Amino acid sequence: MDKRKVITAYRRGMISIQECAQILGVDSSQIMGLMNDPQMSELPRVVQKQPMHG
């Protein structure tokens, strides 16, 4: 599983910090280092405008 998705799930409140650490296979104390890593933030999604059909 993509680490960014796991960290995003934690940040959105979907999983606990302990669950996040367990999924990533790291110690709970190490998880805070990953949270502060800018490369671990999920890339923003680009929403493209689509013409309305009607």
PDB file of N, CA and C in Angstrom:
ATOM      1  N   MET A   1       0.847  -1.181   0.000  1.00  0.00           N
ATOM      2  CA  MET A   1       0.000   0.000   0.000  1.00  0.00           C
ATOM      3  C   MET A   1       0.887   1.238   0.000  1.00  0.00           C
ATOM      4  N   ASP A   2       0.459   2.261  -0.687  1.00  0.00           N
ATOM      5  CA  ASP A   2       1.201   3.510  -0.781  1.00  0.00           C
ATOM      6  C   ASP A   2       1.229   4.201   0.581  1.00  0.00           C
ATOM      7  N   LYS A   3       2.422   4.549   1.035  1.00  0.00           N
ATOM      8  CA  LYS A   3       2.578   5.192   2.344  1.00  0.00           C
ATOM      9  C   LYS A   3       1.814   6.501   2.419  1.00  0.00           C
ATOM     10  N   ARG A   4       1.787   7.230   1.310  1.00  0.00           N
ATOM     11  CA  ARG A   4       1.076   8.516   1.313  1.00  0.00           C
ATOM     12  C   ARG A   4      -0.410   8.336   1.582  1.00  0.00           C
ATOM     13  N   LYS A   5      -0.979   7.263   1.043  1.00  0.00           N
ATOM     14  CA  LYS A   5      -2.410   7.015   1.252  1.00  0.00           C
ATOM     15  C   LYS A   5      -2.700   6.653   2.696  1.00  0.00           C
ATOM     16  N   VAL A   6      -1.796   5.893   3.318  1.00  0.00           N
ATOM     17  CA  VAL A   6      -1.972   5.521   4.724  1.00  0.00           C
ATOM     18  C   VAL A   6      -1.889   6.768   5.602  1.00  0.00           C
ATOM     19  N   ILE A   7      -0.913   7.614   5.339  1.00  0.00           N
ATOM     20  CA  ILE A   7      -0.745   8.838   6.129  1.00  0.00           C
ATOM     21  C   ILE A   7      -1.929   9.775   5.915  1.00  0.00           C
ATOM     22  N   THR A   8      -2.420   9.851   4.694  1.00  0.00           N
ATOM     23  CA  THR A   8      -3.601  10.676   4.413  1.00  0.00           C
ATOM     24  C   THR A   8      -4.817  10.147   5.163  1.00  0.00           C
ATOM     25  N   ALA A   9      -4.968   8.828   5.217  1.00  0.00           N
ATOM     26  CA  ALA A   9      -6.085   8.229   5.956  1.00  0.00           C
ATOM     27  C   ALA A   9      -5.997   8.596   7.440  1.00  0.00           C
ATOM     28  N   TYR A  10      -4.794   8.601   7.987  1.00  0.00           N
ATOM     29  CA  TYR A  10      -4.623   9.012   9.388  1.00  0.00           C
ATOM     30  C   TYR A  10      -4.998  10.478   9.565  1.00  0.00           C
ATOM     31  N   ARG A  11      -4.504  11.321   8.680  1.00  0.00           N
ATOM     32  CA  ARG A  11      -4.767  12.767   8.789  1.00  0.00           C
ATOM     33  C   ARG A  11      -6.250  13.081   8.654  1.00  0.00           C
ATOM     34  N   ARG A  12      -6.977  12.269   7.919  1.00  0.00           N
ATOM     35  CA  ARG A  12      -8.425  12.471   7.756  1.00  0.00           C
ATOM     36  C   ARG A  12      -9.235  11.828   8.875  1.00  0.00           C
ATOM     37  N   GLY A  13      -8.538  11.154   9.793  1.00  0.00           N
ATOM     38  CA  GLY A  13      -9.225  10.557  10.933  1.00  0.00           C
ATOM     39  C   GLY A  13      -9.831   9.192  10.656  1.00  0.00           C
ATOM     40  N   MET A  14      -9.436   8.574   9.567  1.00  0.00           N
ATOM     41  CA  MET A  14     -10.003   7.276   9.211  1.00  0.00           C
ATOM     42  C   MET A  14      -9.352   6.139   9.990  1.00  0.00           C
ATOM     43  N   ILE A  15      -8.082   6.308  10.372  1.00  0.00           N
ATOM     44  CA  ILE A  15      -7.367   5.306  11.165  1.00  0.00           C
ATOM     45  C   ILE A  15      -6.610   6.007  12.280  1.00  0.00           C
ATOM     46  N   SER A  16      -6.266   5.257  13.321  1.00  0.00           N
ATOM     47  CA  SER A  16      -5.526   5.825  14.448  1.00  0.00           C
ATOM     48  C   SER A  16      -4.030   5.855  14.131  1.00  0.00           C
ATOM     49  N   ILE A  17      -3.278   6.568  14.948  1.00  0.00           N
ATOM     50  CA  ILE A  17      -1.832   6.641  14.770  1.00  0.00           C
ATOM     51  C   ILE A  17      -1.199   5.257  14.933  1.00  0.00           C
ATOM     52  N   GLN A  18      -1.753   4.451  15.839  1.00  0.00           N
ATOM     53  CA  GLN A  18      -1.233   3.099  16.043  1.00  0.00           C
ATOM     54  C   GLN A  18      -1.493   2.226  14.810  1.00  0.00           C
ATOM     55  N   GLU A  19      -2.694   2.356  14.236  1.00  0.00           N
ATOM     56  CA  GLU A  19      -3.014   1.598  13.025  1.00  0.00           C
ATOM     57  C   GLU A  19      -2.128   2.032  11.865  1.00  0.00           C
ATOM     58  N   CYS A  20      -1.894   3.321  11.769  1.00  0.00           N
ATOM     59  CA  CYS A  20      -1.041   3.863  10.721  1.00  0.00           C
ATOM     60  C   CYS A  20       0.362   3.276  10.836  1.00  0.00           C
ATOM     61  N   ALA A  21       0.917   3.284  12.030  1.00  0.00           N
ATOM     62  CA  ALA A  21       2.256   2.744  12.261  1.00  0.00           C
ATOM     63  C   ALA A  21       2.295   1.252  11.942  1.00  0.00           C
ATOM     64  N   GLN A  22       1.255   0.530  12.326  1.00  0.00           N
ATOM     65  CA  GLN A  22       1.219  -0.910  12.081  1.00  0.00           C
ATOM     66  C   GLN A  22       1.164  -1.212  10.589  1.00  0.00           C
ATOM     67  N   ILE A  23       0.350  -0.489   9.845  1.00  0.00           N
ATOM     68  CA  ILE A  23       0.243  -0.702   8.401  1.00  0.00           C
ATOM     69  C   ILE A  23       1.575  -0.411   7.712  1.00  0.00           C
ATOM     70  N   LEU A  24       2.238   0.656   8.168  1.00  0.00           N
ATOM     71  CA  LEU A  24       3.512   1.030   7.557  1.00  0.00           C
ATOM     72  C   LEU A  24       4.671   0.179   8.051  1.00  0.00           C
ATOM     73  N   GLY A  25       4.456  -0.557   9.130  1.00  0.00           N
ATOM     74  CA  GLY A  25       5.510  -1.412   9.665  1.00  0.00           C
ATOM     75  C   GLY A  25       6.595  -0.657  10.390  1.00  0.00           C
ATOM     76  N   VAL A  26       6.215   0.438  11.047  1.00  0.00           N
ATOM     77  CA  VAL A  26       7.174   1.225  11.813  1.00  0.00           C
ATOM     78  C   VAL A  26       6.700   1.348  13.254  1.00  0.00           C
ATOM     79  N   ASP A  27       7.608   1.772  14.112  1.00  0.00           N
ATOM     80  CA  ASP A  27       7.299   1.997  15.513  1.00  0.00           C
ATOM     81  C   ASP A  27       6.464   3.272  15.647  1.00  0.00           C
ATOM     82  N   SER A  28       5.605   3.316  16.643  1.00  0.00           N
ATOM     83  CA  SER A  28       4.751   4.493  16.839  1.00  0.00           C
ATOM     84  C   SER A  28       5.567   5.773  16.999  1.00  0.00           C
ATOM     85  N   SER A  29       6.769   5.654  17.582  1.00  0.00           N
ATOM     86  CA  SER A  29       7.600   6.846  17.754  1.00  0.00           C
ATOM     87  C   SER A  29       8.205   7.303  16.425  1.00  0.00           C
ATOM     88  N   GLN A  30       8.404   6.392  15.489  1.00  0.00           N
ATOM     89  CA  GLN A  30       8.969   6.737  14.189  1.00  0.00           C
ATOM     90  C   GLN A  30       7.938   7.373  13.261  1.00  0.00           C
ATOM     91  N   ILE A  31       6.693   7.161  13.545  1.00  0.00           N
ATOM     92  CA  ILE A  31       5.637   7.629  12.652  1.00  0.00           C
ATOM     93  C   ILE A  31       5.597   9.157  12.570  1.00  0.00           C
ATOM     94  N   MET A  32       5.961   9.828  13.652  1.00  0.00           N
ATOM     95  CA  MET A  32       5.926  11.293  13.639  1.00  0.00           C
ATOM     96  C   MET A  32       6.938  11.863  12.645  1.00  0.00           C
ATOM     97  N   GLY A  33       8.065  11.184  12.467  1.00  0.00           N
ATOM     98  CA  GLY A  33       9.027  11.615  11.457  1.00  0.00           C
ATOM     99  C   GLY A  33       8.448  11.519  10.060  1.00  0.00           C
ATOM    100  N   LEU A  34       7.680  10.471   9.816  1.00  0.00           N
ATOM    101  CA  LEU A  34       7.038  10.323   8.513  1.00  0.00           C
ATOM    102  C   LEU A  34       5.951  11.378   8.305  1.00  0.00           C
ATOM    103  N   MET A  35       5.256  11.732   9.383  1.00  0.00           N
ATOM    104  CA  MET A  35       4.186  12.725   9.266  1.00  0.00           C
ATOM    105  C   MET A  35       4.734  14.089   8.855  1.00  0.00           C
ATOM    106  N   ASN A  36       5.956  14.386   9.281  1.00  0.00           N
ATOM    107  CA  ASN A  36       6.549  15.689   8.986  1.00  0.00           C
ATOM    108  C   ASN A  36       7.318  15.707   7.667  1.00  0.00           C
ATOM    109  N   ASP A  37       7.427  14.564   7.010  1.00  0.00           N
ATOM    110  CA  ASP A  37       8.166  14.469   5.754  1.00  0.00           C
ATOM    111  C   ASP A  37       7.303  15.017   4.617  1.00  0.00           C
ATOM    112  N   PRO A  38       7.751  16.068   3.945  1.00  0.00           N
ATOM    113  CA  PRO A  38       6.937  16.645   2.868  1.00  0.00           C
ATOM    114  C   PRO A  38       6.697  15.672   1.709  1.00  0.00           C
ATOM    115  N   GLN A  39       7.575  14.701   1.515  1.00  0.00           N
ATOM    116  CA  GLN A  39       7.378  13.742   0.438  1.00  0.00           C
ATOM    117  C   GLN A  39       6.272  12.748   0.764  1.00  0.00           C
ATOM    118  N   MET A  40       5.848  12.678   2.009  1.00  0.00           N
ATOM    119  CA  MET A  40       4.809  11.732   2.411  1.00  0.00           C
ATOM    120  C   MET A  40       3.415  12.333   2.324  1.00  0.00           C
ATOM    121  N   SER A  41       3.318  13.610   1.945  1.00  0.00           N
ATOM    122  CA  SER A  41       1.982  14.183   1.798  1.00  0.00           C
ATOM    123  C   SER A  41       1.428  13.763   0.444  1.00  0.00           C
ATOM    124  N   GLU A  42       0.136  13.504   0.421  1.00  0.00           N
ATOM    125  CA  GLU A  42      -0.502  13.052  -0.810  1.00  0.00           C
ATOM    126  C   GLU A  42      -0.461  14.171  -1.838  1.00  0.00           C
ATOM    127  N   LEU A  43      -0.185  13.806  -3.068  1.00  0.00           N
ATOM    128  CA  LEU A  43      -0.150  14.794  -4.129  1.00  0.00           C
ATOM    129  C   LEU A  43      -1.562  15.325  -4.378  1.00  0.00           C
ATOM    130  N   PRO A  44      -1.674  16.634  -4.599  1.00  0.00           N
ATOM    131  CA  PRO A  44      -3.018  17.188  -4.842  1.00  0.00           C
ATOM    132  C   PRO A  44      -3.589  16.638  -6.141  1.00  0.00           C
ATOM    133  N   ARG A  45      -4.861  16.392  -6.114  1.00  0.00           N
ATOM    134  CA  ARG A  45      -5.538  15.881  -7.300  1.00  0.00           C
ATOM    135  C   ARG A  45      -6.032  17.048  -8.137  1.00  0.00           C
ATOM    136  N   VAL A  46      -5.836  16.927  -9.430  1.00  0.00           N
ATOM    137  CA  VAL A  46      -6.274  17.974 -10.348  1.00  0.00           C
ATOM    138  C   VAL A  46      -7.684  17.621 -10.813  1.00  0.00           C
ATOM    139  N   VAL A  47      -8.595  18.539 -10.595  1.00  0.00           N
ATOM    140  CA  VAL A  47      -9.963  18.353 -11.043  1.00  0.00           C
ATOM    141  C   VAL A  47     -10.139  19.137 -12.334  1.00  0.00           C
ATOM    142  N   GLN A  48     -10.465  18.423 -13.377  1.00  0.00           N
ATOM    143  CA  GLN A  48     -10.644  19.085 -14.661  1.00  0.00           C
ATOM    144  C   GLN A  48     -12.110  19.398 -14.871  1.00  0.00           C
ATOM    145  N   LYS A  49     -12.343  20.572 -15.424  1.00  0.00           N
ATOM    146  CA  LYS A  49     -13.718  20.968 -15.733  1.00  0.00           C
ATOM    147  C   LYS A  49     -14.199  20.184 -16.946  1.00  0.00           C
ATOM    148  N   GLN A  50     -15.420  19.717 -16.852  1.00  0.00           N
ATOM    149  CA  GLN A  50     -16.024  18.993 -17.962  1.00  0.00           C
ATOM    150  C   GLN A  50     -17.259  19.756 -18.417  1.00  0.00           C
ATOM    151  N   PRO A  51     -17.503  19.790 -19.713  1.00  0.00           N
ATOM    152  CA  PRO A  51     -18.692  20.514 -20.209  1.00  0.00           C
ATOM    153  C   PRO A  51     -19.958  19.826 -19.739  1.00  0.00           C
ATOM    154  N   MET A  52     -20.959  20.645 -19.486  1.00  0.00           N
ATOM    155  CA  MET A  52     -22.255  20.089 -19.063  1.00  0.00           C
ATOM    156  C   MET A  52     -23.024  19.623 -20.298  1.00  0.00           C
ATOM    157  N   HIS A  53     -23.625  18.472 -20.163  1.00  0.00           N
ATOM    158  CA  HIS A  53     -24.444  17.937 -21.257  1.00  0.00           C
ATOM    159  C   HIS A  53     -25.909  18.085 -20.860  1.00  0.00           C
ATOM    160  N   GLY A  54     -26.698  18.548 -21.751  1.00  0.00           N
ATOM    161  CA  GLY A  54     -28.081  18.666 -21.360  1.00  0.00           C
ATOM    162  C   GLY A  54     -28.976  19.091 -22.381  1.00  0.00           C
TER     163      GLY A  54
END
